[in-house]
Each structure stands twice: as C-alpha cells, then as structure tokens.
Amino acid sequence: MSKRPNFGGMGGMNMQQMMKQAKKLQEQMAQEQQTITAQEFVGKSADDMVVATFSGDRKLKDININKDAIDPDDPDMLQDLIIDAVNKGLSEIDEATQQSLGKYTKGMI
C-alpha cells in the first residue's frame, strides 16, 4: 500500500513537473496576449460614418468621422455613431481575446 497521499487526478505528476507545466502554459498565454496586442481592431458604425481603430491592448489609435455625420442640429446622432463604433471595436478585441486565450481559462471562471 502506498504511503503517498492521493491528490486526485494529478496522475502521479510531481510538484516540479506541475511547476514546469504551469510555467510553459504561462509563457504560451503571454505569447498569445502579445499577438493580440500587436493587432489592430476596427469598429464601424452604420454606413461607416464613424470608424474607430484600436490596438489589441484596448487603446484607441484613430477615429475617423465622415463629414456627413456632422450635423450641428443633431449632435446626439454623432454621439450615438461614435459610441456604436467604439463598442464594436472593443467587442472585436474581446472576441479575439476569448478565441485566443479562452482555451487556457476554460472552466476556471
């Protein structure tokens, strides 16, 4: 009979092997995060009236506003178009991050 405690599901992996595997996983996640950060993501409002460009670390890099979207009598419309473009750009980043890093966090949260 073994005197080792049963840690259930570790498959006989010792602590050193677990630490090596965790470090490798951490390095892979960091690499994938760098890949996302280096990418550009674009959010566009209806009819491309406003186009917002982000880096993968969620920083707004550029915003283009079509002159036809600027109506001095209706500033609310322009605000809505900007919000729409920004939210779509951020959603693109979230989707790419989930697709890339989701495999590592599956079942953790």
PDB file of N, CA and C in Angstrom:
ATOM      1  N   MET A   1       0.852  -1.181   0.000  1.00  0.00           N
ATOM      2  CA  MET A   1       0.000   0.000   0.000  1.00  0.00           C
ATOM      3  C   MET A   1       0.893   1.238   0.000  1.00  0.00           C
ATOM      4  N   SER A   2       0.556   2.197  -0.821  1.00  0.00           N
ATOM      5  CA  SER A   2       1.343   3.413  -0.961  1.00  0.00           C
ATOM      6  C   SER A   2       1.105   4.346   0.211  1.00  0.00           C
ATOM      7  N   LYS A   3       2.178   5.001   0.656  1.00  0.00           N
ATOM      8  CA  LYS A   3       2.068   5.963   1.751  1.00  0.00           C
ATOM      9  C   LYS A   3       1.891   7.384   1.232  1.00  0.00           C
ATOM     10  N   ARG A   4       1.870   7.540  -0.086  1.00  0.00           N
ATOM     11  CA  ARG A   4       1.670   8.861  -0.670  1.00  0.00           C
ATOM     12  C   ARG A   4       0.209   9.272  -0.559  1.00  0.00           C
ATOM     13  N   PRO A   5      -0.035  10.535  -0.258  1.00  0.00           N
ATOM     14  CA  PRO A   5      -1.434  10.985  -0.238  1.00  0.00           C
ATOM     15  C   PRO A   5      -1.991  11.016  -1.654  1.00  0.00           C
ATOM     16  N   ASN A   6      -3.276  10.795  -1.771  1.00  0.00           N
ATOM     17  CA  ASN A   6      -3.939  10.818  -3.070  1.00  0.00           C
ATOM     18  C   ASN A   6      -4.411  12.236  -3.349  1.00  0.00           C
ATOM     19  N   PHE A   7      -3.819  12.857  -4.364  1.00  0.00           N
ATOM     20  CA  PHE A   7      -4.214  14.216  -4.721  1.00  0.00           C
ATOM     21  C   PHE A   7      -5.226  14.227  -5.851  1.00  0.00           C
ATOM     22  N   GLY A   8      -5.818  13.128  -6.152  1.00  0.00           N
ATOM     23  CA  GLY A   8      -6.904  13.022  -7.107  1.00  0.00           C
ATOM     24  C   GLY A   8      -6.689  13.703  -8.441  1.00  0.00           C
ATOM     25  N   GLY A   9      -6.465  12.955  -9.477  1.00  0.00           N
ATOM     26  CA  GLY A   9      -6.419  13.493 -10.822  1.00  0.00           C
ATOM     27  C   GLY A   9      -5.083  14.070 -11.250  1.00  0.00           C
ATOM     28  N   MET A  10      -4.084  14.051 -10.417  1.00  0.00           N
ATOM     29  CA  MET A  10      -2.804  14.598 -10.826  1.00  0.00           C
ATOM     30  C   MET A  10      -1.992  13.573 -11.612  1.00  0.00           C
ATOM     31  N   GLY A  11      -2.468  12.351 -11.663  1.00  0.00           N
ATOM     32  CA  GLY A  11      -1.835  11.336 -12.494  1.00  0.00           C
ATOM     33  C   GLY A  11      -0.394  11.067 -12.123  1.00  0.00           C
ATOM     34  N   GLY A  12      -0.044  11.160 -10.853  1.00  0.00           N
ATOM     35  CA  GLY A  12       1.304  10.875 -10.417  1.00  0.00           C
ATOM     36  C   GLY A  12       2.297  11.982 -10.745  1.00  0.00           C
ATOM     37  N   MET A  13       1.818  13.124 -11.186  1.00  0.00           N
ATOM     38  CA  MET A  13       2.697  14.229 -11.540  1.00  0.00           C
ATOM     39  C   MET A  13       3.262  14.843 -10.254  1.00  0.00           C
ATOM     40  N   ASN A  14       4.565  15.006 -10.204  1.00  0.00           N
ATOM     41  CA  ASN A  14       5.142  15.607  -9.009  1.00  0.00           C
ATOM     42  C   ASN A  14       5.088  17.130  -9.100  1.00  0.00           C
ATOM     43  N   MET A  15       5.418  17.773  -8.012  1.00  0.00           N
ATOM     44  CA  MET A  15       5.297  19.226  -7.925  1.00  0.00           C
ATOM     45  C   MET A  15       6.202  19.929  -8.949  1.00  0.00           C
ATOM     46  N   GLN A  16       7.394  19.414  -9.156  1.00  0.00           N
ATOM     47  CA  GLN A  16       8.326  20.024 -10.112  1.00  0.00           C
ATOM     48  C   GLN A  16       7.754  19.959 -11.528  1.00  0.00           C
ATOM     49  N   GLN A  17       7.160  18.833 -11.894  1.00  0.00           N
ATOM     50  CA  GLN A  17       6.540  18.711 -13.216  1.00  0.00           C
ATOM     51  C   GLN A  17       5.372  19.672 -13.348  1.00  0.00           C
ATOM     52  N   MET A  18       4.594  19.816 -12.281  1.00  0.00           N
ATOM     53  CA  MET A  18       3.454  20.731 -12.313  1.00  0.00           C
ATOM     54  C   MET A  18       3.922  22.166 -12.497  1.00  0.00           C
ATOM     55  N   MET A  19       4.991  22.545 -11.821  1.00  0.00           N
ATOM     56  CA  MET A  19       5.514  23.904 -11.932  1.00  0.00           C
ATOM     57  C   MET A  19       6.051  24.153 -13.342  1.00  0.00           C
ATOM     58  N   LYS A  20       6.712  23.171 -13.927  1.00  0.00           N
ATOM     59  CA  LYS A  20       7.213  23.293 -15.301  1.00  0.00           C
ATOM     60  C   LYS A  20       6.062  23.485 -16.271  1.00  0.00           C
ATOM     61  N   GLN A  21       5.032  22.674 -16.088  1.00  0.00           N
ATOM     62  CA  GLN A  21       3.871  22.767 -16.966  1.00  0.00           C
ATOM     63  C   GLN A  21       3.173  24.115 -16.802  1.00  0.00           C
ATOM     64  N   ALA A  22       3.053  24.599 -15.573  1.00  0.00           N
ATOM     65  CA  ALA A  22       2.413  25.892 -15.326  1.00  0.00           C
ATOM     66  C   ALA A  22       3.220  27.019 -15.960  1.00  0.00           C
ATOM     67  N   LYS A  23       4.546  26.947 -15.860  1.00  0.00           N
ATOM     68  CA  LYS A  23       5.397  27.972 -16.453  1.00  0.00           C
ATOM     69  C   LYS A  23       5.264  27.964 -17.978  1.00  0.00           C
ATOM     70  N   LYS A  24       5.224  26.783 -18.568  1.00  0.00           N
ATOM     71  CA  LYS A  24       5.064  26.663 -20.019  1.00  0.00           C
ATOM     72  C   LYS A  24       3.721  27.260 -20.450  1.00  0.00           C
ATOM     73  N   LEU A  25       2.688  26.957 -19.711  1.00  0.00           N
ATOM     74  CA  LEU A  25       1.354  27.483 -20.005  1.00  0.00           C
ATOM     75  C   LEU A  25       1.347  29.009 -19.893  1.00  0.00           C
ATOM     76  N   GLN A  26       1.998  29.523 -18.868  1.00  0.00           N
ATOM     77  CA  GLN A  26       2.070  30.969 -18.670  1.00  0.00           C
ATOM     78  C   GLN A  26       2.806  31.638 -19.834  1.00  0.00           C
ATOM     79  N   GLU A  27       3.870  31.022 -20.313  1.00  0.00           N
ATOM     80  CA  GLU A  27       4.627  31.566 -21.442  1.00  0.00           C
ATOM     81  C   GLU A  27       3.778  31.561 -22.720  1.00  0.00           C
ATOM     82  N   GLN A  28       3.021  30.485 -22.920  1.00  0.00           N
ATOM     83  CA  GLN A  28       2.153  30.407 -24.096  1.00  0.00           C
ATOM     84  C   GLN A  28       1.078  31.488 -24.045  1.00  0.00           C
ATOM     85  N   MET A  29       0.503  31.703 -22.878  1.00  0.00           N
ATOM     86  CA  MET A  29      -0.528  32.732 -22.728  1.00  0.00           C
ATOM     87  C   MET A  29       0.046  34.123 -22.978  1.00  0.00           C
ATOM     88  N   ALA A  30       1.244  34.370 -22.472  1.00  0.00           N
ATOM     89  CA  ALA A  30       1.881  35.675 -22.676  1.00  0.00           C
ATOM     90  C   ALA A  30       2.153  35.911 -24.160  1.00  0.00           C
ATOM     91  N   GLN A  31       2.576  34.876 -24.858  1.00  0.00           N
ATOM     92  CA  GLN A  31       2.844  34.989 -26.292  1.00  0.00           C
ATOM     93  C   GLN A  31       1.562  35.309 -27.058  1.00  0.00           C
ATOM     94  N   GLU A  32       0.495  34.619 -26.712  1.00  0.00           N
ATOM     95  CA  GLU A  32      -0.777  34.878 -27.398  1.00  0.00           C
ATOM     96  C   GLU A  32      -1.299  36.277 -27.078  1.00  0.00           C
ATOM     97  N   GLN A  33      -1.096  36.741 -25.851  1.00  0.00           N
ATOM     98  CA  GLN A  33      -1.514  38.093 -25.489  1.00  0.00           C
ATOM     99  C   GLN A  33      -0.710  39.125 -26.281  1.00  0.00           C
ATOM    100  N   GLN A  34       0.577  38.887 -26.473  1.00  0.00           N
ATOM    101  CA  GLN A  34       1.399  39.797 -27.277  1.00  0.00           C
ATOM    102  C   GLN A  34       0.906  39.840 -28.721  1.00  0.00           C
ATOM    103  N   THR A  35       0.503  38.697 -29.234  1.00  0.00           N
ATOM    104  CA  THR A  35      -0.015  38.637 -30.601  1.00  0.00           C
ATOM    105  C   THR A  35      -1.278  39.492 -30.726  1.00  0.00           C
ATOM    106  N   ILE A  36      -2.155  39.388 -29.751  1.00  0.00           N
ATOM    107  CA  ILE A  36      -3.391  40.183 -29.759  1.00  0.00           C
ATOM    108  C   ILE A  36      -3.054  41.674 -29.656  1.00  0.00           C
ATOM    109  N   THR A  37      -2.146  42.011 -28.767  1.00  0.00           N
ATOM    110  CA  THR A  37      -1.768  43.408 -28.547  1.00  0.00           C
ATOM    111  C   THR A  37      -1.209  44.040 -29.823  1.00  0.00           C
ATOM    112  N   ALA A  38      -0.512  43.257 -30.628  1.00  0.00           N
ATOM    113  CA  ALA A  38       0.110  43.779 -31.857  1.00  0.00           C
ATOM    114  C   ALA A  38      -0.902  43.984 -32.985  1.00  0.00           C
ATOM    115  N   GLN A  39      -2.083  43.430 -32.843  1.00  0.00           N
ATOM    116  CA  GLN A  39      -3.094  43.534 -33.896  1.00  0.00           C
ATOM    117  C   GLN A  39      -3.865  44.849 -33.794  1.00  0.00           C
ATOM    118  N   GLU A  40      -4.514  45.194 -34.905  1.00  0.00           N
ATOM    119  CA  GLU A  40      -5.427  46.334 -34.915  1.00  0.00           C
ATOM    120  C   GLU A  40      -6.846  45.811 -35.057  1.00  0.00           C
ATOM    121  N   PHE A  41      -7.760  46.465 -34.380  1.00  0.00           N
ATOM    122  CA  PHE A  41      -9.167  46.090 -34.422  1.00  0.00           C
ATOM    123  C   PHE A  41      -9.974  47.324 -34.805  1.00  0.00           C
ATOM    124  N   VAL A  42     -10.971  47.121 -35.652  1.00  0.00           N
ATOM    125  CA  VAL A  42     -11.749  48.234 -36.183  1.00  0.00           C
ATOM    126  C   VAL A  42     -13.219  48.035 -35.855  1.00  0.00           C
ATOM    127  N   GLY A  43     -13.819  49.113 -35.363  1.00  0.00           N
ATOM    128  CA  GLY A  43     -15.254  49.134 -35.138  1.00  0.00           C
ATOM    129  C   GLY A  43     -15.860  50.186 -36.043  1.00  0.00           C
ATOM    130  N   LYS A  44     -16.975  49.829 -36.689  1.00  0.00           N
ATOM    131  CA  LYS A  44     -17.610  50.755 -37.632  1.00  0.00           C
ATOM    132  C   LYS A  44     -19.075  50.943 -37.261  1.00  0.00           C
ATOM    133  N   SER A  45     -19.503  52.184 -37.331  1.00  0.00           N
ATOM    134  CA  SER A  45     -20.922  52.464 -37.112  1.00  0.00           C
ATOM    135  C   SER A  45     -21.672  52.221 -38.424  1.00  0.00           C
ATOM    136  N   ALA A  46     -22.963  52.440 -38.372  1.00  0.00           N
ATOM    137  CA  ALA A  46     -23.795  52.253 -39.563  1.00  0.00           C
ATOM    138  C   ALA A  46     -23.243  53.071 -40.728  1.00  0.00           C
ATOM    139  N   ASP A  47     -23.218  52.466 -41.888  1.00  0.00           N
ATOM    140  CA  ASP A  47     -22.745  53.108 -43.122  1.00  0.00           C
ATOM    141  C   ASP A  47     -21.311  53.649 -43.006  1.00  0.00           C
ATOM    142  N   ASP A  48     -20.537  53.116 -42.068  1.00  0.00           N
ATOM    143  CA  ASP A  48     -19.142  53.539 -41.866  1.00  0.00           C
ATOM    144  C   ASP A  48     -19.015  55.041 -41.628  1.00  0.00           C
ATOM    145  N   MET A  49     -20.029  55.629 -41.017  1.00  0.00           N
ATOM    146  CA  MET A  49     -19.988  57.067 -40.744  1.00  0.00           C
ATOM    147  C   MET A  49     -18.895  57.395 -39.725  1.00  0.00           C
ATOM    148  N   VAL A  50     -18.665  56.478 -38.796  1.00  0.00           N
ATOM    149  CA  VAL A  50     -17.591  56.622 -37.817  1.00  0.00           C
ATOM    150  C   VAL A  50     -16.829  55.301 -37.785  1.00  0.00           C
ATOM    151  N   VAL A  51     -15.499  55.392 -37.868  1.00  0.00           N
ATOM    152  CA  VAL A  51     -14.639  54.207 -37.825  1.00  0.00           C
ATOM    153  C   VAL A  51     -13.619  54.415 -36.708  1.00  0.00           C
ATOM    154  N   ALA A  52     -13.624  53.504 -35.735  1.00  0.00           N
ATOM    155  CA  ALA A  52     -12.701  53.579 -34.603  1.00  0.00           C
ATOM    156  C   ALA A  52     -11.698  52.436 -34.711  1.00  0.00           C
ATOM    157  N   THR A  53     -10.412  52.761 -34.596  1.00  0.00           N
ATOM    158  CA  THR A  53      -9.354  51.760 -34.689  1.00  0.00           C
ATOM    159  C   THR A  53      -8.656  51.646 -33.333  1.00  0.00           C
ATOM    160  N   PHE A  54      -8.527  50.413 -32.868  1.00  0.00           N
ATOM    161  CA  PHE A  54      -7.915  50.130 -31.570  1.00  0.00           C
ATOM    162  C   PHE A  54      -6.709  49.222 -31.732  1.00  0.00           C
ATOM    163  N   SER A  55      -5.788  49.318 -30.786  1.00  0.00           N
ATOM    164  CA  SER A  55      -4.743  48.305 -30.673  1.00  0.00           C
ATOM    165  C   SER A  55      -5.319  47.188 -29.792  1.00  0.00           C
ATOM    166  N   GLY A  56      -4.660  46.049 -29.812  1.00  0.00           N
ATOM    167  CA  GLY A  56      -5.161  44.904 -29.052  1.00  0.00           C
ATOM    168  C   GLY A  56      -5.152  45.102 -27.555  1.00  0.00           C
ATOM    169  N   ASP A  57      -4.450  46.119 -27.068  1.00  0.00           N
ATOM    170  CA  ASP A  57      -4.481  46.401 -25.629  1.00  0.00           C
ATOM    171  C   ASP A  57      -5.536  47.456 -25.298  1.00  0.00           C
ATOM    172  N   ARG A  58      -6.527  47.582 -26.179  1.00  0.00           N
ATOM    173  CA  ARG A  58      -7.726  48.391 -25.964  1.00  0.00           C
ATOM    174  C   ARG A  58      -7.468  49.887 -25.981  1.00  0.00           C
ATOM    175  N   LYS A  59      -6.422  50.312 -26.647  1.00  0.00           N
ATOM    176  CA  LYS A  59      -6.148  51.745 -26.776  1.00  0.00           C
ATOM    177  C   LYS A  59      -6.703  52.243 -28.112  1.00  0.00           C
ATOM    178  N   LEU A  60      -7.426  53.346 -28.059  1.00  0.00           N
ATOM    179  CA  LEU A  60      -7.966  53.953 -29.264  1.00  0.00           C
ATOM    180  C   LEU A  60      -6.824  54.604 -30.022  1.00  0.00           C
ATOM    181  N   LYS A  61      -6.586  54.140 -31.249  1.00  0.00           N
ATOM    182  CA  LYS A  61      -5.469  54.657 -32.041  1.00  0.00           C
ATOM    183  C   LYS A  61      -5.918  55.717 -33.038  1.00  0.00           C
ATOM    184  N   ASP A  62      -7.140  55.583 -33.529  1.00  0.00           N
ATOM    185  CA  ASP A  62      -7.607  56.500 -34.557  1.00  0.00           C
ATOM    186  C   ASP A  62      -9.132  56.484 -34.570  1.00  0.00           C
ATOM    187  N   ILE A  63      -9.689  57.615 -34.919  1.00  0.00           N
ATOM    188  CA  ILE A  63     -11.134  57.692 -35.123  1.00  0.00           C
ATOM    189  C   ILE A  63     -11.378  58.585 -36.330  1.00  0.00           C
ATOM    190  N   ASN A  64     -12.120  58.058 -37.279  1.00  0.00           N
ATOM    191  CA  ASN A  64     -12.461  58.809 -38.484  1.00  0.00           C
ATOM    192  C   ASN A  64     -13.964  59.070 -38.482  1.00  0.00           C
ATOM    193  N   ILE A  65     -14.301  60.324 -38.684  1.00  0.00           N
ATOM    194  CA  ILE A  65     -15.711  60.716 -38.709  1.00  0.00           C
ATOM    195  C   ILE A  65     -16.011  61.285 -40.085  1.00  0.00           C
ATOM    196  N   ASN A  66     -16.936  60.658 -40.771  1.00  0.00           N
ATOM    197  CA  ASN A  66     -17.368  61.128 -42.083  1.00  0.00           C
ATOM    198  C   ASN A  66     -18.024  62.495 -41.902  1.00  0.00           C
ATOM    199  N   LYS A  67     -17.690  63.428 -42.774  1.00  0.00           N
ATOM    200  CA  LYS A  67     -18.236  64.790 -42.620  1.00  0.00           C
ATOM    201  C   LYS A  67     -19.762  64.802 -42.689  1.00  0.00           C
ATOM    202  N   ASP A  68     -20.357  63.827 -43.378  1.00  0.00           N
ATOM    203  CA  ASP A  68     -21.822  63.762 -43.454  1.00  0.00           C
ATOM    204  C   ASP A  68     -22.454  63.401 -42.111  1.00  0.00           C
ATOM    205  N   ALA A  69     -21.639  62.881 -41.188  1.00  0.00           N
ATOM    206  CA  ALA A  69     -22.163  62.522 -39.868  1.00  0.00           C
ATOM    207  C   ALA A  69     -22.243  63.728 -38.941  1.00  0.00           C
ATOM    208  N   ILE A  70     -21.642  64.829 -39.352  1.00  0.00           N
ATOM    209  CA  ILE A  70     -21.602  66.013 -38.502  1.00  0.00           C
ATOM    210  C   ILE A  70     -22.759  66.946 -38.867  1.00  0.00           C
ATOM    211  N   ASP A  71     -23.764  66.911 -38.030  1.00  0.00           N
ATOM    212  CA  ASP A  71     -24.937  67.774 -38.210  1.00  0.00           C
ATOM    213  C   ASP A  71     -25.056  68.636 -36.957  1.00  0.00           C
ATOM    214  N   PRO A  72     -24.766  69.928 -37.082  1.00  0.00           N
ATOM    215  CA  PRO A  72     -24.810  70.798 -35.902  1.00  0.00           C
ATOM    216  C   PRO A  72     -26.176  70.816 -35.212  1.00  0.00           C
ATOM    217  N   ASP A  73     -27.215  70.477 -35.957  1.00  0.00           N
ATOM    218  CA  ASP A  73     -28.557  70.469 -35.375  1.00  0.00           C
ATOM    219  C   ASP A  73     -28.885  69.146 -34.686  1.00  0.00           C
ATOM    220  N   ASP A  74     -28.009  68.141 -34.826  1.00  0.00           N
ATOM    221  CA  ASP A  74     -28.277  66.831 -34.244  1.00  0.00           C
ATOM    222  C   ASP A  74     -26.998  66.210 -33.677  1.00  0.00           C
ATOM    223  N   PRO A  75     -26.427  66.808 -32.636  1.00  0.00           N
ATOM    224  CA  PRO A  75     -25.195  66.257 -32.068  1.00  0.00           C
ATOM    225  C   PRO A  75     -25.392  64.862 -31.458  1.00  0.00           C
ATOM    226  N   ASP A  76     -26.619  64.553 -31.046  1.00  0.00           N
ATOM    227  CA  ASP A  76     -26.888  63.236 -30.459  1.00  0.00           C
ATOM    228  C   ASP A  76     -26.627  62.114 -31.458  1.00  0.00           C
ATOM    229  N   MET A  77     -26.922  62.349 -32.734  1.00  0.00           N
ATOM    230  CA  MET A  77     -26.690  61.320 -33.747  1.00  0.00           C
ATOM    231  C   MET A  77     -25.198  60.992 -33.831  1.00  0.00           C
ATOM    232  N   LEU A  78     -24.359  62.028 -33.844  1.00  0.00           N
ATOM    233  CA  LEU A  78     -22.916  61.806 -33.917  1.00  0.00           C
ATOM    234  C   LEU A  78     -22.422  61.075 -32.675  1.00  0.00           C
ATOM    235  N   GLN A  79     -22.928  61.453 -31.531  1.00  0.00           N
ATOM    236  CA  GLN A  79     -22.547  60.759 -30.298  1.00  0.00           C
ATOM    237  C   GLN A  79     -22.903  59.277 -30.379  1.00  0.00           C
ATOM    238  N   ASP A  80     -24.092  58.981 -30.864  1.00  0.00           N
ATOM    239  CA  ASP A  80     -24.524  57.583 -30.991  1.00  0.00           C
ATOM    240  C   ASP A  80     -23.639  56.811 -31.967  1.00  0.00           C
ATOM    241  N   LEU A  81     -23.260  57.450 -33.067  1.00  0.00           N
ATOM    242  CA  LEU A  81     -22.399  56.790 -34.051  1.00  0.00           C
ATOM    243  C   LEU A  81     -21.020  56.494 -33.462  1.00  0.00           C
ATOM    244  N   ILE A  82     -20.484  57.439 -32.690  1.00  0.00           N
ATOM    245  CA  ILE A  82     -19.177  57.232 -32.057  1.00  0.00           C
ATOM    246  C   ILE A  82     -19.249  56.095 -31.040  1.00  0.00           C
ATOM    247  N   ILE A  83     -20.272  56.110 -30.220  1.00  0.00           N
ATOM    248  CA  ILE A  83     -20.447  55.049 -29.220  1.00  0.00           C
ATOM    249  C   ILE A  83     -20.563  53.695 -29.907  1.00  0.00           C
ATOM    250  N   ASP A  84     -21.327  53.630 -30.975  1.00  0.00           N
ATOM    251  CA  ASP A  84     -21.514  52.379 -31.713  1.00  0.00           C
ATOM    252  C   ASP A  84     -20.183  51.860 -32.271  1.00  0.00           C
ATOM    253  N   ALA A  85     -19.424  52.728 -32.905  1.00  0.00           N
ATOM    254  CA  ALA A  85     -18.146  52.318 -33.491  1.00  0.00           C
ATOM    255  C   ALA A  85     -17.163  51.863 -32.407  1.00  0.00           C
ATOM    256  N   VAL A  86     -17.083  52.616 -31.316  1.00  0.00           N
ATOM    257  CA  VAL A  86     -16.169  52.269 -30.228  1.00  0.00           C
ATOM    258  C   VAL A  86     -16.550  50.928 -29.609  1.00  0.00           C
ATOM    259  N   ASN A  87     -17.826  50.743 -29.324  1.00  0.00           N
ATOM    260  CA  ASN A  87     -18.266  49.478 -28.728  1.00  0.00           C
ATOM    261  C   ASN A  87     -18.014  48.290 -29.650  1.00  0.00           C
ATOM    262  N   LYS A  88     -18.215  48.468 -30.938  1.00  0.00           N
ATOM    263  CA  LYS A  88     -17.948  47.377 -31.877  1.00  0.00           C
ATOM    264  C   LYS A  88     -16.457  47.043 -31.938  1.00  0.00           C
ATOM    265  N   GLY A  89     -15.613  48.063 -31.893  1.00  0.00           N
ATOM    266  CA  GLY A  89     -14.172  47.823 -31.881  1.00  0.00           C
ATOM    267  C   GLY A  89     -13.737  47.069 -30.642  1.00  0.00           C
ATOM    268  N   LEU A  90     -14.248  47.482 -29.490  1.00  0.00           N
ATOM    269  CA  LEU A  90     -13.918  46.798 -28.241  1.00  0.00           C
ATOM    270  C   LEU A  90     -14.441  45.359 -28.240  1.00  0.00           C
ATOM    271  N   SER A  91     -15.601  45.144 -28.827  1.00  0.00           N
ATOM    272  CA  SER A  91     -16.144  43.787 -28.930  1.00  0.00           C
ATOM    273  C   SER A  91     -15.249  42.895 -29.795  1.00  0.00           C
ATOM    274  N   GLU A  92     -14.681  43.479 -30.845  1.00  0.00           N
ATOM    275  CA  GLU A  92     -13.758  42.723 -31.692  1.00  0.00           C
ATOM    276  C   GLU A  92     -12.544  42.256 -30.885  1.00  0.00           C
ATOM    277  N   ILE A  93     -12.028  43.128 -30.042  1.00  0.00           N
ATOM    278  CA  ILE A  93     -10.887  42.765 -29.192  1.00  0.00           C
ATOM    279  C   ILE A  93     -11.293  41.655 -28.225  1.00  0.00           C
ATOM    280  N   ASP A  94     -12.462  41.807 -27.602  1.00  0.00           N
ATOM    281  CA  ASP A  94     -12.937  40.793 -26.655  1.00  0.00           C
ATOM    282  C   ASP A  94     -13.098  39.435 -27.326  1.00  0.00           C
ATOM    283  N   GLU A  95     -13.657  39.423 -28.520  1.00  0.00           N
ATOM    284  CA  GLU A  95     -13.846  38.158 -29.237  1.00  0.00           C
ATOM    285  C   GLU A  95     -12.517  37.505 -29.579  1.00  0.00           C
ATOM    286  N   ALA A  96     -11.557  38.296 -30.049  1.00  0.00           N
ATOM    287  CA  ALA A  96     -10.241  37.754 -30.394  1.00  0.00           C
ATOM    288  C   ALA A  96      -9.535  37.228 -29.149  1.00  0.00           C
ATOM    289  N   THR A  97      -9.662  37.952 -28.051  1.00  0.00           N
ATOM    290  CA  THR A  97      -9.038  37.520 -26.802  1.00  0.00           C
ATOM    291  C   THR A  97      -9.658  36.226 -26.311  1.00  0.00           C
ATOM    292  N   GLN A  98     -10.974  36.141 -26.347  1.00  0.00           N
ATOM    293  CA  GLN A  98     -11.662  34.928 -25.910  1.00  0.00           C
ATOM    294  C   GLN A  98     -11.287  33.749 -26.791  1.00  0.00           C
ATOM    295  N   GLN A  99     -11.213  33.977 -28.083  1.00  0.00           N
ATOM    296  CA  GLN A  99     -10.871  32.906 -29.010  1.00  0.00           C
ATOM    297  C   GLN A  99      -9.439  32.422 -28.774  1.00  0.00           C
ATOM    298  N   SER A 100      -8.536  33.350 -28.509  1.00  0.00           N
ATOM    299  CA  SER A 100      -7.128  33.010 -28.343  1.00  0.00           C
ATOM    300  C   SER A 100      -6.814  32.470 -26.951  1.00  0.00           C
ATOM    301  N   LEU A 101      -7.306  33.138 -25.925  1.00  0.00           N
ATOM    302  CA  LEU A 101      -6.955  32.779 -24.554  1.00  0.00           C
ATOM    303  C   LEU A 101      -8.007  31.946 -23.836  1.00  0.00           C
ATOM    304  N   GLY A 102      -9.180  31.838 -24.423  1.00  0.00           N
ATOM    305  CA  GLY A 102     -10.261  31.097 -23.793  1.00  0.00           C
ATOM    306  C   GLY A 102      -9.927  29.650 -23.509  1.00  0.00           C
ATOM    307  N   LYS A 103      -9.093  29.062 -24.339  1.00  0.00           N
ATOM    308  CA  LYS A 103      -8.718  27.655 -24.138  1.00  0.00           C
ATOM    309  C   LYS A 103      -7.934  27.460 -22.848  1.00  0.00           C
ATOM    310  N   TYR A 104      -7.268  28.513 -22.383  1.00  0.00           N
ATOM    311  CA  TYR A 104      -6.495  28.416 -21.151  1.00  0.00           C
ATOM    312  C   TYR A 104      -7.353  28.632 -19.918  1.00  0.00           C
ATOM    313  N   THR A 105      -8.405  29.411 -20.048  1.00  0.00           N
ATOM    314  CA  THR A 105      -9.218  29.755 -18.887  1.00  0.00           C
ATOM    315  C   THR A 105     -10.499  28.925 -18.808  1.00  0.00           C
ATOM    316  N   LYS A 106     -10.712  28.056 -19.760  1.00  0.00           N
ATOM    317  CA  LYS A 106     -11.932  27.242 -19.779  1.00  0.00           C
ATOM    318  C   LYS A 106     -12.087  26.500 -18.454  1.00  0.00           C
ATOM    319  N   GLY A 107     -13.223  26.692 -17.839  1.00  0.00           N
ATOM    320  CA  GLY A 107     -13.520  26.004 -16.596  1.00  0.00           C
ATOM    321  C   GLY A 107     -12.943  26.663 -15.348  1.00  0.00           C
ATOM    322  N   MET A 108     -12.177  27.740 -15.506  1.00  0.00           N
ATOM    323  CA  MET A 108     -11.593  28.406 -14.349  1.00  0.00           C
ATOM    324  C   MET A 108     -12.514  29.445 -13.743  1.00  0.00           C
ATOM    325  N   ILE A 109     -13.369  30.038 -14.588  1.00  0.00           N
ATOM    326  CA  ILE A 109     -14.264  31.073 -14.067  1.00  0.00           C
ATOM    327  C   ILE A 109     -15.698  30.710 -14.333  1.00  0.00           C
TER     328      ILE A 109
END
